[in-house]
Amino acid sequence: MTSRFFRRPISWADYRAVIELVPPPGVDAPEAEYNIAPGTHVPILRRAPEGEYAPRHAIQIAPAYWG
């Protein structure tokens, strides 16, 4: 399944201002993209499980694959 959309560049500060995101250490914010294809890394937001870089239940960003 493909998705055709445009995602503007968003800084970690922009994310944090809206959802109190805990960004992963040493990782740049996602770049703007159009037409994210299957098999590419796509950032997702989730509640942090125990043992992650973010405190448990904090909102964190994690890579995922389409399909």
PDB file of N, CA and C in Angstrom:
ATOM      1  N   MET A   1       0.850  -1.178   0.000  1.00  0.00           N
ATOM      2  CA  MET A   1       0.000   0.000   0.000  1.00  0.00           C
ATOM      3  C   MET A   1       0.893   1.238   0.000  1.00  0.00           C
ATOM      4  N   THR A   2       0.656   2.132  -0.895  1.00  0.00           N
ATOM      5  CA  THR A   2       1.424   3.370  -0.915  1.00  0.00           C
ATOM      6  C   THR A   2       0.577   4.516  -0.393  1.00  0.00           C
ATOM      7  N   SER A   3       1.242   5.573  -0.046  1.00  0.00           N
ATOM      8  CA  SER A   3       0.537   6.743   0.474  1.00  0.00           C
ATOM      9  C   SER A   3       1.102   7.974  -0.208  1.00  0.00           C
ATOM     10  N   ARG A   4       0.268   8.763  -0.815  1.00  0.00           N
ATOM     11  CA  ARG A   4       0.714   9.997  -1.466  1.00  0.00           C
ATOM     12  C   ARG A   4       0.295  11.173  -0.601  1.00  0.00           C
ATOM     13  N   PHE A   5       1.249  11.772   0.031  1.00  0.00           N
ATOM     14  CA  PHE A   5       0.981  12.963   0.829  1.00  0.00           C
ATOM     15  C   PHE A   5       2.273  13.731   0.995  1.00  0.00           C
ATOM     16  N   PHE A   6       2.155  14.947   1.438  1.00  0.00           N
ATOM     17  CA  PHE A   6       3.327  15.772   1.706  1.00  0.00           C
ATOM     18  C   PHE A   6       3.414  15.995   3.204  1.00  0.00           C
ATOM     19  N   ARG A   7       4.575  15.742   3.767  1.00  0.00           N
ATOM     20  CA  ARG A   7       4.809  16.022   5.187  1.00  0.00           C
ATOM     21  C   ARG A   7       5.867  17.104   5.243  1.00  0.00           C
ATOM     22  N   ARG A   8       5.505  18.269   5.770  1.00  0.00           N
ATOM     23  CA  ARG A   8       6.449  19.384   5.853  1.00  0.00           C
ATOM     24  C   ARG A   8       7.519  19.075   6.891  1.00  0.00           C
ATOM     25  N   PRO A   9       8.662  19.763   6.826  1.00  0.00           N
ATOM     26  CA  PRO A   9       9.684  19.546   7.854  1.00  0.00           C
ATOM     27  C   PRO A   9       9.172  20.019   9.214  1.00  0.00           C
ATOM     28  N   ILE A  10       9.366  19.204  10.224  1.00  0.00           N
ATOM     29  CA  ILE A  10       8.932  19.539  11.583  1.00  0.00           C
ATOM     30  C   ILE A  10      10.122  19.306  12.506  1.00  0.00           C
ATOM     31  N   SER A  11      10.469  20.297  13.292  1.00  0.00           N
ATOM     32  CA  SER A  11      11.608  20.156  14.211  1.00  0.00           C
ATOM     33  C   SER A  11      11.168  19.427  15.478  1.00  0.00           C
ATOM     34  N   TRP A  12      12.149  18.921  16.234  1.00  0.00           N
ATOM     35  CA  TRP A  12      11.822  18.293  17.518  1.00  0.00           C
ATOM     36  C   TRP A  12      11.138  19.298  18.435  1.00  0.00           C
ATOM     37  N   ALA A  13      11.542  20.574  18.370  1.00  0.00           N
ATOM     38  CA  ALA A  13      10.909  21.601  19.206  1.00  0.00           C
ATOM     39  C   ALA A  13       9.433  21.761  18.849  1.00  0.00           C
ATOM     40  N   ASP A  14       9.097  21.679  17.551  1.00  0.00           N
ATOM     41  CA  ASP A  14       7.689  21.755  17.133  1.00  0.00           C
ATOM     42  C   ASP A  14       6.893  20.587  17.703  1.00  0.00           C
ATOM     43  N   TYR A  15       7.447  19.381  17.597  1.00  0.00           N
ATOM     44  CA  TYR A  15       6.769  18.210  18.170  1.00  0.00           C
ATOM     45  C   TYR A  15       6.572  18.392  19.675  1.00  0.00           C
ATOM     46  N   ARG A  16       7.646  18.770  20.358  1.00  0.00           N
ATOM     47  CA  ARG A  16       7.622  18.887  21.817  1.00  0.00           C
ATOM     48  C   ARG A  16       6.608  19.928  22.280  1.00  0.00           C
ATOM     49  N   ALA A  17       6.453  21.014  21.524  1.00  0.00           N
ATOM     50  CA  ALA A  17       5.522  22.079  21.898  1.00  0.00           C
ATOM     51  C   ALA A  17       4.069  21.609  21.863  1.00  0.00           C
ATOM     52  N   VAL A  18       3.773  20.632  21.028  1.00  0.00           N
ATOM     53  CA  VAL A  18       2.391  20.187  20.868  1.00  0.00           C
ATOM     54  C   VAL A  18       2.085  18.925  21.671  1.00  0.00           C
ATOM     55  N   ILE A  19       2.999  17.954  21.673  1.00  0.00           N
ATOM     56  CA  ILE A  19       2.690  16.661  22.293  1.00  0.00           C
ATOM     57  C   ILE A  19       3.693  16.227  23.352  1.00  0.00           C
ATOM     58  N   GLU A  20       4.603  17.091  23.738  1.00  0.00           N
ATOM     59  CA  GLU A  20       5.608  16.743  24.745  1.00  0.00           C
ATOM     60  C   GLU A  20       6.379  15.486  24.357  1.00  0.00           C
ATOM     61  N   LEU A  21       6.808  15.434  23.103  1.00  0.00           N
ATOM     62  CA  LEU A  21       7.555  14.302  22.573  1.00  0.00           C
ATOM     63  C   LEU A  21       8.943  14.223  23.186  1.00  0.00           C
ATOM     64  N   VAL A  22       9.393  13.012  23.499  1.00  0.00           N
ATOM     65  CA  VAL A  22      10.769  12.776  23.924  1.00  0.00           C
ATOM     66  C   VAL A  22      11.510  12.248  22.697  1.00  0.00           C
ATOM     67  N   PRO A  23      12.352  13.068  22.036  1.00  0.00           N
ATOM     68  CA  PRO A  23      13.018  12.611  20.815  1.00  0.00           C
ATOM     69  C   PRO A  23      14.121  11.603  21.118  1.00  0.00           C
ATOM     70  N   PRO A  24      14.409  10.709  20.165  1.00  0.00           N
ATOM     71  CA  PRO A  24      15.487   9.751  20.377  1.00  0.00           C
ATOM     72  C   PRO A  24      16.833  10.461  20.394  1.00  0.00           C
ATOM     73  N   PRO A  25      17.749  10.042  21.267  1.00  0.00           N
ATOM     74  CA  PRO A  25      19.053  10.703  21.339  1.00  0.00           C
ATOM     75  C   PRO A  25      19.857  10.500  20.057  1.00  0.00           C
ATOM     76  N   GLY A  26      20.476  11.580  19.581  1.00  0.00           N
ATOM     77  CA  GLY A  26      21.352  11.498  18.426  1.00  0.00           C
ATOM     78  C   GLY A  26      20.668  11.307  17.083  1.00  0.00           C
ATOM     79  N   VAL A  27      19.367  11.563  17.005  1.00  0.00           N
ATOM     80  CA  VAL A  27      18.624  11.384  15.756  1.00  0.00           C
ATOM     81  C   VAL A  27      18.014  12.715  15.349  1.00  0.00           C
ATOM     82  N   ASP A  28      18.197  13.077  14.074  1.00  0.00           N
ATOM     83  CA  ASP A  28      17.602  14.308  13.561  1.00  0.00           C
ATOM     84  C   ASP A  28      16.100  14.133  13.366  1.00  0.00           C
ATOM     85  N   ALA A  29      15.381  15.233  13.392  1.00  0.00           N
ATOM     86  CA  ALA A  29      13.936  15.194  13.132  1.00  0.00           C
ATOM     87  C   ALA A  29      13.687  14.701  11.707  1.00  0.00           C
ATOM     88  N   PRO A  30      12.532  14.054  11.450  1.00  0.00           N
ATOM     89  CA  PRO A  30      12.253  13.544  10.111  1.00  0.00           C
ATOM     90  C   PRO A  30      12.220  14.655   9.066  1.00  0.00           C
ATOM     91  N   GLU A  31      12.741  14.356   7.893  1.00  0.00           N
ATOM     92  CA  GLU A  31      12.719  15.325   6.796  1.00  0.00           C
ATOM     93  C   GLU A  31      11.341  15.334   6.148  1.00  0.00           C
ATOM     94  N   ALA A  32      11.035  16.427   5.469  1.00  0.00           N
ATOM     95  CA  ALA A  32       9.788  16.490   4.705  1.00  0.00           C
ATOM     96  C   ALA A  32       9.853  15.473   3.572  1.00  0.00           C
ATOM     97  N   GLU A  33       8.746  14.812   3.282  1.00  0.00           N
ATOM     98  CA  GLU A  33       8.712  13.812   2.222  1.00  0.00           C
ATOM     99  C   GLU A  33       7.384  13.860   1.499  1.00  0.00           C
ATOM    100  N   TYR A  34       7.400  13.368   0.273  1.00  0.00           N
ATOM    101  CA  TYR A  34       6.193  13.224  -0.522  1.00  0.00           C
ATOM    102  C   TYR A  34       6.180  11.813  -1.065  1.00  0.00           C
ATOM    103  N   ASN A  35       5.029  11.171  -1.046  1.00  0.00           N
ATOM    104  CA  ASN A  35       4.867   9.836  -1.605  1.00  0.00           C
ATOM    105  C   ASN A  35       5.779   8.814  -0.923  1.00  0.00           C
ATOM    106  N   ILE A  36       5.569   8.593   0.337  1.00  0.00           N
ATOM    107  CA  ILE A  36       6.351   7.602   1.078  1.00  0.00           C
ATOM    108  C   ILE A  36       5.988   6.209   0.554  1.00  0.00           C
ATOM    109  N   ALA A  37       6.976   5.505   0.067  1.00  0.00           N
ATOM    110  CA  ALA A  37       6.758   4.217  -0.589  1.00  0.00           C
ATOM    111  C   ALA A  37       6.890   3.051   0.386  1.00  0.00           C
ATOM    112  N   PRO A  38       6.346   1.879   0.016  1.00  0.00           N
ATOM    113  CA  PRO A  38       6.517   0.684   0.851  1.00  0.00           C
ATOM    114  C   PRO A  38       8.003   0.370   1.034  1.00  0.00           C
ATOM    115  N   GLY A  39       8.354  -0.135   2.189  1.00  0.00           N
ATOM    116  CA  GLY A  39       9.736  -0.513   2.465  1.00  0.00           C
ATOM    117  C   GLY A  39      10.600   0.614   2.984  1.00  0.00           C
ATOM    118  N   THR A  40      10.063   1.810   3.121  1.00  0.00           N
ATOM    119  CA  THR A  40      10.850   2.921   3.644  1.00  0.00           C
ATOM    120  C   THR A  40      10.549   3.125   5.121  1.00  0.00           C
ATOM    121  N   HIS A  41      11.508   3.717   5.819  1.00  0.00           N
ATOM    122  CA  HIS A  41      11.275   4.045   7.222  1.00  0.00           C
ATOM    123  C   HIS A  41      10.262   5.176   7.320  1.00  0.00           C
ATOM    124  N   VAL A  42       9.302   5.016   8.193  1.00  0.00           N
ATOM    125  CA  VAL A  42       8.277   6.027   8.415  1.00  0.00           C
ATOM    126  C   VAL A  42       8.195   6.264   9.917  1.00  0.00           C
ATOM    127  N   PRO A  43       8.347   7.500  10.373  1.00  0.00           N
ATOM    128  CA  PRO A  43       8.274   7.734  11.813  1.00  0.00           C
ATOM    129  C   PRO A  43       6.857   7.540  12.340  1.00  0.00           C
ATOM    130  N   ILE A  44       6.759   6.909  13.488  1.00  0.00           N
ATOM    131  CA  ILE A  44       5.469   6.747  14.153  1.00  0.00           C
ATOM    132  C   ILE A  44       5.609   7.241  15.586  1.00  0.00           C
ATOM    133  N   LEU A  45       4.516   7.668  16.153  1.00  0.00           N
ATOM    134  CA  LEU A  45       4.490   8.087  17.552  1.00  0.00           C
ATOM    135  C   LEU A  45       3.846   6.980  18.368  1.00  0.00           C
ATOM    136  N   ARG A  46       4.406   6.716  19.543  1.00  0.00           N
ATOM    137  CA  ARG A  46       3.840   5.683  20.412  1.00  0.00           C
ATOM    138  C   ARG A  46       4.137   6.018  21.856  1.00  0.00           C
ATOM    139  N   ARG A  47       3.442   5.351  22.753  1.00  0.00           N
ATOM    140  CA  ARG A  47       3.743   5.448  24.177  1.00  0.00           C
ATOM    141  C   ARG A  47       4.954   4.571  24.447  1.00  0.00           C
ATOM    142  N   ALA A  48       5.916   5.088  25.159  1.00  0.00           N
ATOM    143  CA  ALA A  48       7.158   4.357  25.409  1.00  0.00           C
ATOM    144  C   ALA A  48       6.922   3.179  26.354  1.00  0.00           C
ATOM    145  N   PRO A  49       7.398   1.987  25.980  1.00  0.00           N
ATOM    146  CA  PRO A  49       7.347   0.859  26.895  1.00  0.00           C
ATOM    147  C   PRO A  49       8.492   0.947  27.907  1.00  0.00           C
ATOM    148  N   GLU A  50       8.488   0.095  28.864  1.00  0.00           N
ATOM    149  CA  GLU A  50       9.555   0.031  29.870  1.00  0.00           C
ATOM    150  C   GLU A  50      10.881  -0.286  29.189  1.00  0.00           C
ATOM    151  N   GLY A  51      11.957   0.389  29.612  1.00  0.00           N
ATOM    152  CA  GLY A  51      13.287   0.091  29.109  1.00  0.00           C
ATOM    153  C   GLY A  51      13.706   0.849  27.862  1.00  0.00           C
ATOM    154  N   GLU A  52      12.915   1.785  27.399  1.00  0.00           N
ATOM    155  CA  GLU A  52      13.267   2.594  26.228  1.00  0.00           C
ATOM    156  C   GLU A  52      14.003   3.851  26.671  1.00  0.00           C
ATOM    157  N   TYR A  53      14.469   4.660  25.695  1.00  0.00           N
ATOM    158  CA  TYR A  53      15.189   5.899  26.013  1.00  0.00           C
ATOM    159  C   TYR A  53      14.285   6.940  26.666  1.00  0.00           C
ATOM    160  N   ALA A  54      12.985   6.869  26.421  1.00  0.00           N
ATOM    161  CA  ALA A  54      12.026   7.808  27.017  1.00  0.00           C
ATOM    162  C   ALA A  54      11.417   7.174  28.265  1.00  0.00           C
ATOM    163  N   PRO A  55      10.979   7.978  29.225  1.00  0.00           N
ATOM    164  CA  PRO A  55      10.310   7.415  30.397  1.00  0.00           C
ATOM    165  C   PRO A  55       9.065   6.627  29.980  1.00  0.00           C
ATOM    166  N   ARG A  56       8.725   5.608  30.744  1.00  0.00           N
ATOM    167  CA  ARG A  56       7.569   4.770  30.430  1.00  0.00           C
ATOM    168  C   ARG A  56       6.322   5.628  30.258  1.00  0.00           C
ATOM    169  N   HIS A  57       5.566   5.357  29.225  1.00  0.00           N
ATOM    170  CA  HIS A  57       4.311   6.030  28.861  1.00  0.00           C
ATOM    171  C   HIS A  57       4.503   7.436  28.299  1.00  0.00           C
ATOM    172  N   ALA A  58       5.745   7.914  28.178  1.00  0.00           N
ATOM    173  CA  ALA A  58       5.973   9.187  27.488  1.00  0.00           C
ATOM    174  C   ALA A  58       5.749   8.948  25.994  1.00  0.00           C
ATOM    175  N   ILE A  59       5.500  10.002  25.255  1.00  0.00           N
ATOM    176  CA  ILE A  59       5.352   9.860  23.809  1.00  0.00           C
ATOM    177  C   ILE A  59       6.742   9.863  23.195  1.00  0.00           C
ATOM    178  N   GLN A  60       7.025   8.866  22.364  1.00  0.00           N
ATOM    179  CA  GLN A  60       8.316   8.778  21.705  1.00  0.00           C
ATOM    180  C   GLN A  60       8.092   8.520  20.216  1.00  0.00           C
ATOM    181  N   ILE A  61       9.129   8.746  19.436  1.00  0.00           N
ATOM    182  CA  ILE A  61       9.061   8.471  18.005  1.00  0.00           C
ATOM    183  C   ILE A  61       9.862   7.205  17.744  1.00  0.00           C
ATOM    184  N   ALA A  62       9.345   6.371  16.870  1.00  0.00           N
ATOM    185  CA  ALA A  62      10.005   5.107  16.572  1.00  0.00           C
ATOM    186  C   ALA A  62       9.911   4.846  15.075  1.00  0.00           C
ATOM    187  N   PRO A  63      10.944   4.262  14.450  1.00  0.00           N
ATOM    188  CA  PRO A  63      10.859   3.953  13.024  1.00  0.00           C
ATOM    189  C   PRO A  63       9.975   2.729  12.794  1.00  0.00           C
ATOM    190  N   ALA A  64       9.333   2.691  11.655  1.00  0.00           N
ATOM    191  CA  ALA A  64       8.510   1.538  11.286  1.00  0.00           C
ATOM    192  C   ALA A  64       8.579   1.361   9.779  1.00  0.00           C
ATOM    193  N   TYR A  65       8.224   0.200   9.318  1.00  0.00           N
ATOM    194  CA  TYR A  65       8.174  -0.077   7.882  1.00  0.00           C
ATOM    195  C   TYR A  65       6.726  -0.163   7.429  1.00  0.00           C
ATOM    196  N   TRP A  66       6.466   0.325   6.213  1.00  0.00           N
ATOM    197  CA  TRP A  66       5.162   0.078   5.597  1.00  0.00           C
ATOM    198  C   TRP A  66       5.131  -1.378   5.192  1.00  0.00           C
ATOM    199  N   GLY A  67       3.962  -1.983   5.265  1.00  0.00           N
ATOM    200  CA  GLY A  67       3.757  -3.335   4.758  1.00  0.00           C
ATOM    201  C   GLY A  67       4.420  -4.356   5.588  1.00  0.00           C
TER     202      GLY A  67
END
